[in-house]
Amino acid sequence: MSWNGLRTKAAKQVYTYYFENQINMNLIDDHISTEIMKTCETSISTELMTFFDDIYGDFVEIARGKLVRISTTLHESMWEAYKEGFFPCGWKGDFPNGKLCVFLPVPASK
């Protein structure tokens, strides 16, 4: 499965939980998306700005799960990588076996 396919599948697991438990995602999104956007705008390095939409989307999906205490294996792996300053960008192996692939951004020299 492709990296985007894995990310979509993880997001679907969270969406399914919201749907089955009749949780209105719009109410949550109204509150968290704006704050995540602001944080991304001020925190994403120049080197990773090309991937702004991916990073923002990852954080929104991870936050949605954390808010209702449903966490996917992929989201947990991604969250750990982000906390260490890495950019999750793929999966090596057949998920969930294998390893998360990450990119370590190196600031451009001036």
PDB file of N, CA and C in Angstrom:
ATOM      1  N   MET A   1       0.843  -1.170   0.000  1.00  0.00           N
ATOM      2  CA  MET A   1       0.000   0.000   0.000  1.00  0.00           C
ATOM      3  C   MET A   1       0.895   1.241   0.000  1.00  0.00           C
ATOM      4  N   SER A   2       0.475   2.263  -0.690  1.00  0.00           N
ATOM      5  CA  SER A   2       1.259   3.497  -0.770  1.00  0.00           C
ATOM      6  C   SER A   2       1.229   4.236   0.570  1.00  0.00           C
ATOM      7  N   TRP A   3       2.159   5.166   0.740  1.00  0.00           N
ATOM      8  CA  TRP A   3       2.215   5.978   1.951  1.00  0.00           C
ATOM      9  C   TRP A   3       0.908   6.766   2.127  1.00  0.00           C
ATOM     10  N   ASN A   4       0.460   7.404   1.062  1.00  0.00           N
ATOM     11  CA  ASN A   4      -0.800   8.144   1.156  1.00  0.00           C
ATOM     12  C   ASN A   4      -1.968   7.207   1.455  1.00  0.00           C
ATOM     13  N   GLY A   5      -1.913   6.010   0.918  1.00  0.00           N
ATOM     14  CA  GLY A   5      -2.947   5.018   1.198  1.00  0.00           C
ATOM     15  C   GLY A   5      -2.972   4.623   2.668  1.00  0.00           C
ATOM     16  N   LEU A   6      -1.796   4.452   3.261  1.00  0.00           N
ATOM     17  CA  LEU A   6      -1.718   4.129   4.690  1.00  0.00           C
ATOM     18  C   LEU A   6      -2.273   5.269   5.543  1.00  0.00           C
ATOM     19  N   ARG A   7      -1.912   6.493   5.182  1.00  0.00           N
ATOM     20  CA  ARG A   7      -2.391   7.664   5.929  1.00  0.00           C
ATOM     21  C   ARG A   7      -3.907   7.779   5.817  1.00  0.00           C
ATOM     22  N   THR A   8      -4.451   7.522   4.632  1.00  0.00           N
ATOM     23  CA  THR A   8      -5.897   7.577   4.427  1.00  0.00           C
ATOM     24  C   THR A   8      -6.596   6.492   5.238  1.00  0.00           C
ATOM     25  N   LYS A   9      -6.017   5.311   5.253  1.00  0.00           N
ATOM     26  CA  LYS A   9      -6.608   4.196   6.001  1.00  0.00           C
ATOM     27  C   LYS A   9      -6.651   4.514   7.500  1.00  0.00           C
ATOM     28  N   ALA A  10      -5.579   5.104   8.029  1.00  0.00           N
ATOM     29  CA  ALA A  10      -5.546   5.479   9.446  1.00  0.00           C
ATOM     30  C   ALA A  10      -6.608   6.540   9.738  1.00  0.00           C
ATOM     31  N   ALA A  11      -6.716   7.534   8.861  1.00  0.00           N
ATOM     32  CA  ALA A  11      -7.715   8.585   9.042  1.00  0.00           C
ATOM     33  C   ALA A  11      -9.124   7.990   9.013  1.00  0.00           C
ATOM     34  N   LYS A  12      -9.330   7.007   8.145  1.00  0.00           N
ATOM     35  CA  LYS A  12     -10.644   6.355   8.039  1.00  0.00           C
ATOM     36  C   LYS A  12     -11.023   5.650   9.337  1.00  0.00           C
ATOM     37  N   GLN A  13     -10.026   5.063  10.006  1.00  0.00           N
ATOM     38  CA  GLN A  13     -10.291   4.396  11.282  1.00  0.00           C
ATOM     39  C   GLN A  13     -10.824   5.412  12.296  1.00  0.00           C
ATOM     40  N   VAL A  14     -10.229   6.585  12.320  1.00  0.00           N
ATOM     41  CA  VAL A  14     -10.668   7.635  13.253  1.00  0.00           C
ATOM     42  C   VAL A  14     -12.060   8.126  12.851  1.00  0.00           C
ATOM     43  N   TYR A  15     -12.267   8.381  11.563  1.00  0.00           N
ATOM     44  CA  TYR A  15     -13.575   8.834  11.078  1.00  0.00           C
ATOM     45  C   TYR A  15     -14.656   7.816  11.437  1.00  0.00           C
ATOM     46  N   THR A  16     -14.366   6.549  11.272  1.00  0.00           N
ATOM     47  CA  THR A  16     -15.332   5.496  11.586  1.00  0.00           C
ATOM     48  C   THR A  16     -15.723   5.555  13.051  1.00  0.00           C
ATOM     49  N   TYR A  17     -14.743   5.758  13.919  1.00  0.00           N
ATOM     50  CA  TYR A  17     -15.030   5.864  15.348  1.00  0.00           C
ATOM     51  C   TYR A  17     -15.956   7.042  15.616  1.00  0.00           C
ATOM     52  N   TYR A  18     -15.647   8.189  15.013  1.00  0.00           N
ATOM     53  CA  TYR A  18     -16.496   9.369  15.178  1.00  0.00           C
ATOM     54  C   TYR A  18     -17.928   9.079  14.717  1.00  0.00           C
ATOM     55  N   PHE A  19     -18.051   8.454  13.547  1.00  0.00           N
ATOM     56  CA  PHE A  19     -19.366   8.163  12.982  1.00  0.00           C
ATOM     57  C   PHE A  19     -20.147   7.191  13.866  1.00  0.00           C
ATOM     58  N   GLU A  20     -19.492   6.089  14.250  1.00  0.00           N
ATOM     59  CA  GLU A  20     -20.167   5.066  15.055  1.00  0.00           C
ATOM     60  C   GLU A  20     -20.601   5.606  16.417  1.00  0.00           C
ATOM     61  N   ASN A  21     -19.873   6.571  16.941  1.00  0.00           N
ATOM     62  CA  ASN A  21     -20.185   7.132  18.253  1.00  0.00           C
ATOM     63  C   ASN A  21     -20.906   8.471  18.160  1.00  0.00           C
ATOM     64  N   GLN A  22     -21.323   8.819  16.952  1.00  0.00           N
ATOM     65  CA  GLN A  22     -22.093  10.038  16.684  1.00  0.00           C
ATOM     66  C   GLN A  22     -21.437  11.285  17.271  1.00  0.00           C
ATOM     67  N   ILE A  23     -20.140  11.401  17.043  1.00  0.00           N
ATOM     68  CA  ILE A  23     -19.380  12.568  17.481  1.00  0.00           C
ATOM     69  C   ILE A  23     -19.296  13.524  16.302  1.00  0.00           C
ATOM     70  N   ASN A  24     -19.675  14.757  16.523  1.00  0.00           N
ATOM     71  CA  ASN A  24     -19.664  15.765  15.467  1.00  0.00           C
ATOM     72  C   ASN A  24     -18.242  16.294  15.275  1.00  0.00           C
ATOM     73  N   MET A  25     -17.592  15.895  14.199  1.00  0.00           N
ATOM     74  CA  MET A  25     -16.217  16.319  13.926  1.00  0.00           C
ATOM     75  C   MET A  25     -16.121  17.814  13.638  1.00  0.00           C
ATOM     76  N   ASN A  26     -17.171  18.414  13.096  1.00  0.00           N
ATOM     77  CA  ASN A  26     -17.134  19.839  12.766  1.00  0.00           C
ATOM     78  C   ASN A  26     -16.877  20.695  13.998  1.00  0.00           C
ATOM     79  N   LEU A  27     -17.495  20.345  15.100  1.00  0.00           N
ATOM     80  CA  LEU A  27     -17.290  21.111  16.328  1.00  0.00           C
ATOM     81  C   LEU A  27     -15.825  21.038  16.768  1.00  0.00           C
ATOM     82  N   ILE A  28     -15.255  19.873  16.678  1.00  0.00           N
ATOM     83  CA  ILE A  28     -13.855  19.700  17.068  1.00  0.00           C
ATOM     84  C   ILE A  28     -12.945  20.395  16.066  1.00  0.00           C
ATOM     85  N   ASP A  29     -13.212  20.199  14.784  1.00  0.00           N
ATOM     86  CA  ASP A  29     -12.370  20.804  13.752  1.00  0.00           C
ATOM     87  C   ASP A  29     -12.351  22.325  13.845  1.00  0.00           C
ATOM     88  N   ASP A  30     -13.490  22.915  14.177  1.00  0.00           N
ATOM     89  CA  ASP A  30     -13.551  24.371  14.299  1.00  0.00           C
ATOM     90  C   ASP A  30     -12.571  24.880  15.350  1.00  0.00           C
ATOM     91  N   HIS A  31     -12.349  24.094  16.373  1.00  0.00           N
ATOM     92  CA  HIS A  31     -11.482  24.520  17.467  1.00  0.00           C
ATOM     93  C   HIS A  31     -10.019  24.154  17.258  1.00  0.00           C
ATOM     94  N   ILE A  32      -9.765  22.987  16.709  1.00  0.00           N
ATOM     95  CA  ILE A  32      -8.367  22.551  16.627  1.00  0.00           C
ATOM     96  C   ILE A  32      -7.671  22.944  15.332  1.00  0.00           C
ATOM     97  N   SER A  33      -8.383  22.938  14.238  1.00  0.00           N
ATOM     98  CA  SER A  33      -7.737  23.186  12.940  1.00  0.00           C
ATOM     99  C   SER A  33      -7.063  24.549  12.881  1.00  0.00           C
ATOM    100  N   THR A  34      -7.720  25.564  13.414  1.00  0.00           N
ATOM    101  CA  THR A  34      -7.155  26.911  13.387  1.00  0.00           C
ATOM    102  C   THR A  34      -5.870  26.977  14.204  1.00  0.00           C
ATOM    103  N   GLU A  35      -5.884  26.349  15.370  1.00  0.00           N
ATOM    104  CA  GLU A  35      -4.690  26.377  16.223  1.00  0.00           C
ATOM    105  C   GLU A  35      -3.537  25.591  15.592  1.00  0.00           C
ATOM    106  N   ILE A  36      -3.863  24.456  14.986  1.00  0.00           N
ATOM    107  CA  ILE A  36      -2.830  23.666  14.322  1.00  0.00           C
ATOM    108  C   ILE A  36      -2.260  24.444  13.139  1.00  0.00           C
ATOM    109  N   MET A  37      -3.114  25.127  12.404  1.00  0.00           N
ATOM    110  CA  MET A  37      -2.655  25.934  11.269  1.00  0.00           C
ATOM    111  C   MET A  37      -1.672  27.001  11.748  1.00  0.00           C
ATOM    112  N   LYS A  38      -2.028  27.720  12.793  1.00  0.00           N
ATOM    113  CA  LYS A  38      -1.152  28.763  13.332  1.00  0.00           C
ATOM    114  C   LYS A  38       0.194  28.183  13.763  1.00  0.00           C
ATOM    115  N   THR A  39       0.157  27.055  14.436  1.00  0.00           N
ATOM    116  CA  THR A  39       1.382  26.421  14.905  1.00  0.00           C
ATOM    117  C   THR A  39       2.249  25.982  13.730  1.00  0.00           C
ATOM    118  N   CYS A  40       1.640  25.398  12.728  1.00  0.00           N
ATOM    119  CA  CYS A  40       2.393  24.968  11.543  1.00  0.00           C
ATOM    120  C   CYS A  40       3.014  26.161  10.828  1.00  0.00           C
ATOM    121  N   GLU A  41       2.271  27.230  10.697  1.00  0.00           N
ATOM    122  CA  GLU A  41       2.778  28.413   9.994  1.00  0.00           C
ATOM    123  C   GLU A  41       4.007  28.995  10.664  1.00  0.00           C
ATOM    124  N   THR A  42       4.086  28.888  11.977  1.00  0.00           N
ATOM    125  CA  THR A  42       5.223  29.466  12.689  1.00  0.00           C
ATOM    126  C   THR A  42       6.326  28.454  13.004  1.00  0.00           C
ATOM    127  N   SER A  43       6.043  27.166  12.849  1.00  0.00           N
ATOM    128  CA  SER A  43       6.998  26.152  13.285  1.00  0.00           C
ATOM    129  C   SER A  43       7.658  25.339  12.177  1.00  0.00           C
ATOM    130  N   ILE A  44       7.027  25.225  11.032  1.00  0.00           N
ATOM    131  CA  ILE A  44       7.586  24.386   9.971  1.00  0.00           C
ATOM    132  C   ILE A  44       8.783  25.097   9.347  1.00  0.00           C
ATOM    133  N   SER A  45       9.871  24.380   9.259  1.00  0.00           N
ATOM    134  CA  SER A  45      11.098  24.957   8.714  1.00  0.00           C
ATOM    135  C   SER A  45      10.954  25.245   7.223  1.00  0.00           C
ATOM    136  N   THR A  46      11.780  26.129   6.746  1.00  0.00           N
ATOM    137  CA  THR A  46      11.785  26.483   5.329  1.00  0.00           C
ATOM    138  C   THR A  46      11.989  25.237   4.471  1.00  0.00           C
ATOM    139  N   GLU A  47      12.845  24.340   4.936  1.00  0.00           N
ATOM    140  CA  GLU A  47      13.166  23.119   4.185  1.00  0.00           C
ATOM    141  C   GLU A  47      11.944  22.216   3.997  1.00  0.00           C
ATOM    142  N   LEU A  48      11.000  22.291   4.920  1.00  0.00           N
ATOM    143  CA  LEU A  48       9.823  21.414   4.846  1.00  0.00           C
ATOM    144  C   LEU A  48       8.548  22.127   4.397  1.00  0.00           C
ATOM    145  N   MET A  49       8.644  23.409   4.099  1.00  0.00           N
ATOM    146  CA  MET A  49       7.448  24.178   3.727  1.00  0.00           C
ATOM    147  C   MET A  49       6.741  23.586   2.504  1.00  0.00           C
ATOM    148  N   THR A  50       7.470  22.929   1.635  1.00  0.00           N
ATOM    149  CA  THR A  50       6.871  22.257   0.474  1.00  0.00           C
ATOM    150  C   THR A  50       5.842  21.220   0.925  1.00  0.00           C
ATOM    151  N   PHE A  51       6.044  20.669   2.111  1.00  0.00           N
ATOM    152  CA  PHE A  51       5.184  19.610   2.628  1.00  0.00           C
ATOM    153  C   PHE A  51       4.179  20.128   3.658  1.00  0.00           C
ATOM    154  N   PHE A  52       3.951  21.448   3.640  1.00  0.00           N
ATOM    155  CA  PHE A  52       3.065  22.075   4.626  1.00  0.00           C
ATOM    156  C   PHE A  52       1.723  21.360   4.716  1.00  0.00           C
ATOM    157  N   ASP A  53       1.067  21.121   3.595  1.00  0.00           N
ATOM    158  CA  ASP A  53      -0.261  20.501   3.604  1.00  0.00           C
ATOM    159  C   ASP A  53      -0.233  19.106   4.214  1.00  0.00           C
ATOM    160  N   ASP A  54       0.827  18.350   3.914  1.00  0.00           N
ATOM    161  CA  ASP A  54       0.944  17.006   4.482  1.00  0.00           C
ATOM    162  C   ASP A  54       1.127  17.061   5.995  1.00  0.00           C
ATOM    163  N   ILE A  55       2.002  17.944   6.445  1.00  0.00           N
ATOM    164  CA  ILE A  55       2.278  18.050   7.875  1.00  0.00           C
ATOM    165  C   ILE A  55       1.035  18.540   8.613  1.00  0.00           C
ATOM    166  N   TYR A  56       0.421  19.584   8.099  1.00  0.00           N
ATOM    167  CA  TYR A  56      -0.808  20.110   8.709  1.00  0.00           C
ATOM    168  C   TYR A  56      -1.875  19.006   8.774  1.00  0.00           C
ATOM    169  N   GLY A  57      -2.071  18.308   7.670  1.00  0.00           N
ATOM    170  CA  GLY A  57      -3.062  17.230   7.630  1.00  0.00           C
ATOM    171  C   GLY A  57      -2.756  16.122   8.616  1.00  0.00           C
ATOM    172  N   ASP A  58      -1.473  15.761   8.735  1.00  0.00           N
ATOM    173  CA  ASP A  58      -1.080  14.730   9.707  1.00  0.00           C
ATOM    174  C   ASP A  58      -1.448  15.164  11.121  1.00  0.00           C
ATOM    175  N   PHE A  59      -1.114  16.406  11.469  1.00  0.00           N
ATOM    176  CA  PHE A  59      -1.393  16.886  12.817  1.00  0.00           C
ATOM    177  C   PHE A  59      -2.891  16.943  13.106  1.00  0.00           C
ATOM    178  N   VAL A  60      -3.675  17.343  12.131  1.00  0.00           N
ATOM    179  CA  VAL A  60      -5.133  17.373  12.331  1.00  0.00           C
ATOM    180  C   VAL A  60      -5.655  15.961  12.571  1.00  0.00           C
ATOM    181  N   GLU A  61      -5.214  15.009  11.759  1.00  0.00           N
ATOM    182  CA  GLU A  61      -5.690  13.629  11.916  1.00  0.00           C
ATOM    183  C   GLU A  61      -5.241  13.036  13.250  1.00  0.00           C
ATOM    184  N   ILE A  62      -4.006  13.282  13.632  1.00  0.00           N
ATOM    185  CA  ILE A  62      -3.501  12.773  14.915  1.00  0.00           C
ATOM    186  C   ILE A  62      -4.296  13.393  16.057  1.00  0.00           C
ATOM    187  N   ALA A  63      -4.542  14.704  15.987  1.00  0.00           N
ATOM    188  CA  ALA A  63      -5.293  15.400  17.046  1.00  0.00           C
ATOM    189  C   ALA A  63      -6.715  14.876  17.154  1.00  0.00           C
ATOM    190  N   ARG A  64      -7.357  14.631  16.038  1.00  0.00           N
ATOM    191  CA  ARG A  64      -8.729  14.098  16.071  1.00  0.00           C
ATOM    192  C   ARG A  64      -8.774  12.803  16.868  1.00  0.00           C
ATOM    193  N   GLY A  65      -7.818  11.934  16.616  1.00  0.00           N
ATOM    194  CA  GLY A  65      -7.772  10.672  17.346  1.00  0.00           C
ATOM    195  C   GLY A  65      -7.474  10.865  18.820  1.00  0.00           C
ATOM    196  N   LYS A  66      -6.516  11.712  19.119  1.00  0.00           N
ATOM    197  CA  LYS A  66      -6.139  11.936  20.514  1.00  0.00           C
ATOM    198  C   LYS A  66      -7.280  12.553  21.315  1.00  0.00           C
ATOM    199  N   LEU A  67      -8.082  13.398  20.680  1.00  0.00           N
ATOM    200  CA  LEU A  67      -9.189  14.052  21.381  1.00  0.00           C
ATOM    201  C   LEU A  67     -10.229  13.077  21.899  1.00  0.00           C
ATOM    202  N   VAL A  68     -10.403  11.953  21.211  1.00  0.00           N
ATOM    203  CA  VAL A  68     -11.396  10.972  21.644  1.00  0.00           C
ATOM    204  C   VAL A  68     -10.746   9.662  22.082  1.00  0.00           C
ATOM    205  N   ARG A  69      -9.453   9.733  22.259  1.00  0.00           N
ATOM    206  CA  ARG A  69      -8.660   8.599  22.763  1.00  0.00           C
ATOM    207  C   ARG A  69      -8.749   7.361  21.875  1.00  0.00           C
ATOM    208  N   ILE A  70      -8.756   7.611  20.569  1.00  0.00           N
ATOM    209  CA  ILE A  70      -8.604   6.496  19.630  1.00  0.00           C
ATOM    210  C   ILE A  70      -7.338   6.773  18.852  1.00  0.00           C
ATOM    211  N   SER A  71      -6.430   5.849  18.907  1.00  0.00           N
ATOM    212  CA  SER A  71      -5.152   6.085  18.265  1.00  0.00           C
ATOM    213  C   SER A  71      -4.809   4.918  17.360  1.00  0.00           C
ATOM    214  N   THR A  72      -4.435   5.237  16.153  1.00  0.00           N
ATOM    215  CA  THR A  72      -4.024   4.191  15.233  1.00  0.00           C
ATOM    216  C   THR A  72      -2.521   3.947  15.408  1.00  0.00           C
ATOM    217  N   THR A  73      -2.083   2.790  15.027  1.00  0.00           N
ATOM    218  CA  THR A  73      -0.665   2.460  15.101  1.00  0.00           C
ATOM    219  C   THR A  73       0.157   3.426  14.256  1.00  0.00           C
ATOM    220  N   LEU A  74      -0.336   3.732  13.076  1.00  0.00           N
ATOM    221  CA  LEU A  74       0.392   4.648  12.200  1.00  0.00           C
ATOM    222  C   LEU A  74       0.467   6.038  12.813  1.00  0.00           C
ATOM    223  N   HIS A  75      -0.647   6.544  13.316  1.00  0.00           N
ATOM    224  CA  HIS A  75      -0.640   7.878  13.910  1.00  0.00           C
ATOM    225  C   HIS A  75       0.296   7.959  15.111  1.00  0.00           C
ATOM    226  N   GLU A  76       0.344   6.916  15.918  1.00  0.00           N
ATOM    227  CA  GLU A  76       1.253   6.917  17.062  1.00  0.00           C
ATOM    228  C   GLU A  76       2.711   6.959  16.599  1.00  0.00           C
ATOM    229  N   SER A  77       3.033   6.175  15.587  1.00  0.00           N
ATOM    230  CA  SER A  77       4.402   6.185  15.048  1.00  0.00           C
ATOM    231  C   SER A  77       4.750   7.553  14.479  1.00  0.00           C
ATOM    232  N   MET A  78       3.817   8.141  13.756  1.00  0.00           N
ATOM    233  CA  MET A  78       4.050   9.455  13.166  1.00  0.00           C
ATOM    234  C   MET A  78       4.226  10.508  14.257  1.00  0.00           C
ATOM    235  N   TRP A  79       3.383  10.466  15.282  1.00  0.00           N
ATOM    236  CA  TRP A  79       3.451  11.435  16.367  1.00  0.00           C
ATOM    237  C   TRP A  79       4.812  11.375  17.068  1.00  0.00           C
ATOM    238  N   GLU A  80       5.291  10.162  17.325  1.00  0.00           N
ATOM    239  CA  GLU A  80       6.608  10.003  17.958  1.00  0.00           C
ATOM    240  C   GLU A  80       7.707  10.593  17.078  1.00  0.00           C
ATOM    241  N   ALA A  81       7.618  10.374  15.785  1.00  0.00           N
ATOM    242  CA  ALA A  81       8.620  10.920  14.859  1.00  0.00           C
ATOM    243  C   ALA A  81       8.574  12.443  14.847  1.00  0.00           C
ATOM    244  N   TYR A  82       7.384  12.992  14.740  1.00  0.00           N
ATOM    245  CA  TYR A  82       7.251  14.457  14.738  1.00  0.00           C
ATOM    246  C   TYR A  82       7.813  15.065  16.020  1.00  0.00           C
ATOM    247  N   LYS A  83       7.544  14.432  17.161  1.00  0.00           N
ATOM    248  CA  LYS A  83       8.039  14.964  18.430  1.00  0.00           C
ATOM    249  C   LYS A  83       9.568  15.003  18.468  1.00  0.00           C
ATOM    250  N   GLU A  84      10.210  14.110  17.739  1.00  0.00           N
ATOM    251  CA  GLU A  84      11.672  14.064  17.685  1.00  0.00           C
ATOM    252  C   GLU A  84      12.247  14.989  16.616  1.00  0.00           C
ATOM    253  N   GLY A  85      11.373  15.657  15.867  1.00  0.00           N
ATOM    254  CA  GLY A  85      11.838  16.579  14.842  1.00  0.00           C
ATOM    255  C   GLY A  85      12.010  15.957  13.466  1.00  0.00           C
ATOM    256  N   PHE A  86      11.487  14.738  13.290  1.00  0.00           N
ATOM    257  CA  PHE A  86      11.559  14.052  12.010  1.00  0.00           C
ATOM    258  C   PHE A  86      10.288  14.306  11.208  1.00  0.00           C
ATOM    259  N   PHE A  87      10.375  14.086   9.911  1.00  0.00           N
ATOM    260  CA  PHE A  87       9.227  14.199   9.023  1.00  0.00           C
ATOM    261  C   PHE A  87       8.893  12.800   8.516  1.00  0.00           C
ATOM    262  N   PRO A  88       7.776  12.199   8.983  1.00  0.00           N
ATOM    263  CA  PRO A  88       7.385  10.869   8.506  1.00  0.00           C
ATOM    264  C   PRO A  88       7.032  10.939   7.018  1.00  0.00           C
ATOM    265  N   CYS A  89       7.606  10.034   6.240  1.00  0.00           N
ATOM    266  CA  CYS A  89       7.402  10.149   4.793  1.00  0.00           C
ATOM    267  C   CYS A  89       7.199   8.815   4.088  1.00  0.00           C
ATOM    268  N   GLY A  90       7.054   7.737   4.836  1.00  0.00           N
ATOM    269  CA  GLY A  90       6.830   6.453   4.182  1.00  0.00           C
ATOM    270  C   GLY A  90       6.868   5.315   5.181  1.00  0.00           C
ATOM    271  N   TRP A  91       6.604   4.133   4.659  1.00  0.00           N
ATOM    272  CA  TRP A  91       6.647   2.925   5.480  1.00  0.00           C
ATOM    273  C   TRP A  91       7.397   1.861   4.706  1.00  0.00           C
ATOM    274  N   LYS A  92       8.371   1.238   5.356  1.00  0.00           N
ATOM    275  CA  LYS A  92       9.137   0.160   4.730  1.00  0.00           C
ATOM    276  C   LYS A  92       8.616  -1.158   5.274  1.00  0.00           C
ATOM    277  N   GLY A  93       8.145  -2.009   4.381  1.00  0.00           N
ATOM    278  CA  GLY A  93       7.596  -3.295   4.779  1.00  0.00           C
ATOM    279  C   GLY A  93       6.090  -3.307   4.629  1.00  0.00           C
ATOM    280  N   ASP A  94       5.503  -4.428   4.998  1.00  0.00           N
ATOM    281  CA  ASP A  94       4.050  -4.574   4.951  1.00  0.00           C
ATOM    282  C   ASP A  94       3.475  -4.129   6.286  1.00  0.00           C
ATOM    283  N   PHE A  95       2.797  -2.996   6.267  1.00  0.00           N
ATOM    284  CA  PHE A  95       2.225  -2.432   7.485  1.00  0.00           C
ATOM    285  C   PHE A  95       1.281  -3.431   8.127  1.00  0.00           C
ATOM    286  N   PRO A  96       1.321  -3.636   9.422  1.00  0.00           N
ATOM    287  CA  PRO A  96       2.055  -2.897  10.439  1.00  0.00           C
ATOM    288  C   PRO A  96       3.466  -3.417  10.706  1.00  0.00           C
ATOM    289  N   ASN A  97       3.848  -4.473   9.996  1.00  0.00           N
ATOM    290  CA  ASN A  97       5.228  -4.944  10.122  1.00  0.00           C
ATOM    291  C   ASN A  97       6.122  -3.990   9.350  1.00  0.00           C
ATOM    292  N   GLY A  98       7.320  -3.854   9.776  1.00  0.00           N
ATOM    293  CA  GLY A  98       8.245  -2.955   9.107  1.00  0.00           C
ATOM    294  C   GLY A  98       8.534  -1.740   9.953  1.00  0.00           C
ATOM    295  N   LYS A  99       8.922  -0.667   9.270  1.00  0.00           N
ATOM    296  CA  LYS A  99       9.347   0.531   9.989  1.00  0.00           C
ATOM    297  C   LYS A  99       8.880   1.791   9.289  1.00  0.00           C
ATOM    298  N   LEU A 100       8.676   2.808  10.090  1.00  0.00           N
ATOM    299  CA  LEU A 100       8.351   4.126   9.580  1.00  0.00           C
ATOM    300  C   LEU A 100       9.606   4.732   8.950  1.00  0.00           C
ATOM    301  N   CYS A 101       9.459   5.308   7.788  1.00  0.00           N
ATOM    302  CA  CYS A 101      10.558   6.024   7.136  1.00  0.00           C
ATOM    303  C   CYS A 101      10.410   7.501   7.474  1.00  0.00           C
ATOM    304  N   VAL A 102      11.514   8.122   7.835  1.00  0.00           N
ATOM    305  CA  VAL A 102      11.476   9.535   8.205  1.00  0.00           C
ATOM    306  C   VAL A 102      12.575  10.298   7.485  1.00  0.00           C
ATOM    307  N   PHE A 103      12.346  11.593   7.404  1.00  0.00           N
ATOM    308  CA  PHE A 103      13.320  12.515   6.828  1.00  0.00           C
ATOM    309  C   PHE A 103      13.743  13.440   7.956  1.00  0.00           C
ATOM    310  N   LEU A 104      15.034  13.627   8.108  1.00  0.00           N
ATOM    311  CA  LEU A 104      15.545  14.559   9.100  1.00  0.00           C
ATOM    312  C   LEU A 104      15.980  15.815   8.370  1.00  0.00           C
ATOM    313  N   PRO A 105      15.190  16.865   8.493  1.00  0.00           N
ATOM    314  CA  PRO A 105      15.547  18.105   7.779  1.00  0.00           C
ATOM    315  C   PRO A 105      16.827  18.723   8.329  1.00  0.00           C
ATOM    316  N   VAL A 106      17.679  19.119   7.447  1.00  0.00           N
ATOM    317  CA  VAL A 106      18.917  19.795   7.821  1.00  0.00           C
ATOM    318  C   VAL A 106      18.781  21.235   7.340  1.00  0.00           C
ATOM    319  N   PRO A 107      18.904  22.186   8.253  1.00  0.00           N
ATOM    320  CA  PRO A 107      18.758  23.591   7.833  1.00  0.00           C
ATOM    321  C   PRO A 107      19.769  23.953   6.758  1.00  0.00           C
ATOM    322  N   ALA A 108      19.313  24.730   5.795  1.00  0.00           N
ATOM    323  CA  ALA A 108      20.199  25.200   4.712  1.00  0.00           C
ATOM    324  C   ALA A 108      21.265  26.106   5.317  1.00  0.00           C
ATOM    325  N   SER A 109      22.475  25.939   4.859  1.00  0.00           N
ATOM    326  CA  SER A 109      23.545  26.802   5.344  1.00  0.00           C
ATOM    327  C   SER A 109      23.448  28.154   4.675  1.00  0.00           C
ATOM    328  N   LYS A 110      23.817  29.167   5.417  1.00  0.00           N
ATOM    329  CA  LYS A 110      23.712  30.529   4.888  1.00  0.00           C
ATOM    330  C   LYS A 110      25.026  31.030   4.399  1.00  0.00           C
TER     331      LYS A 110
END
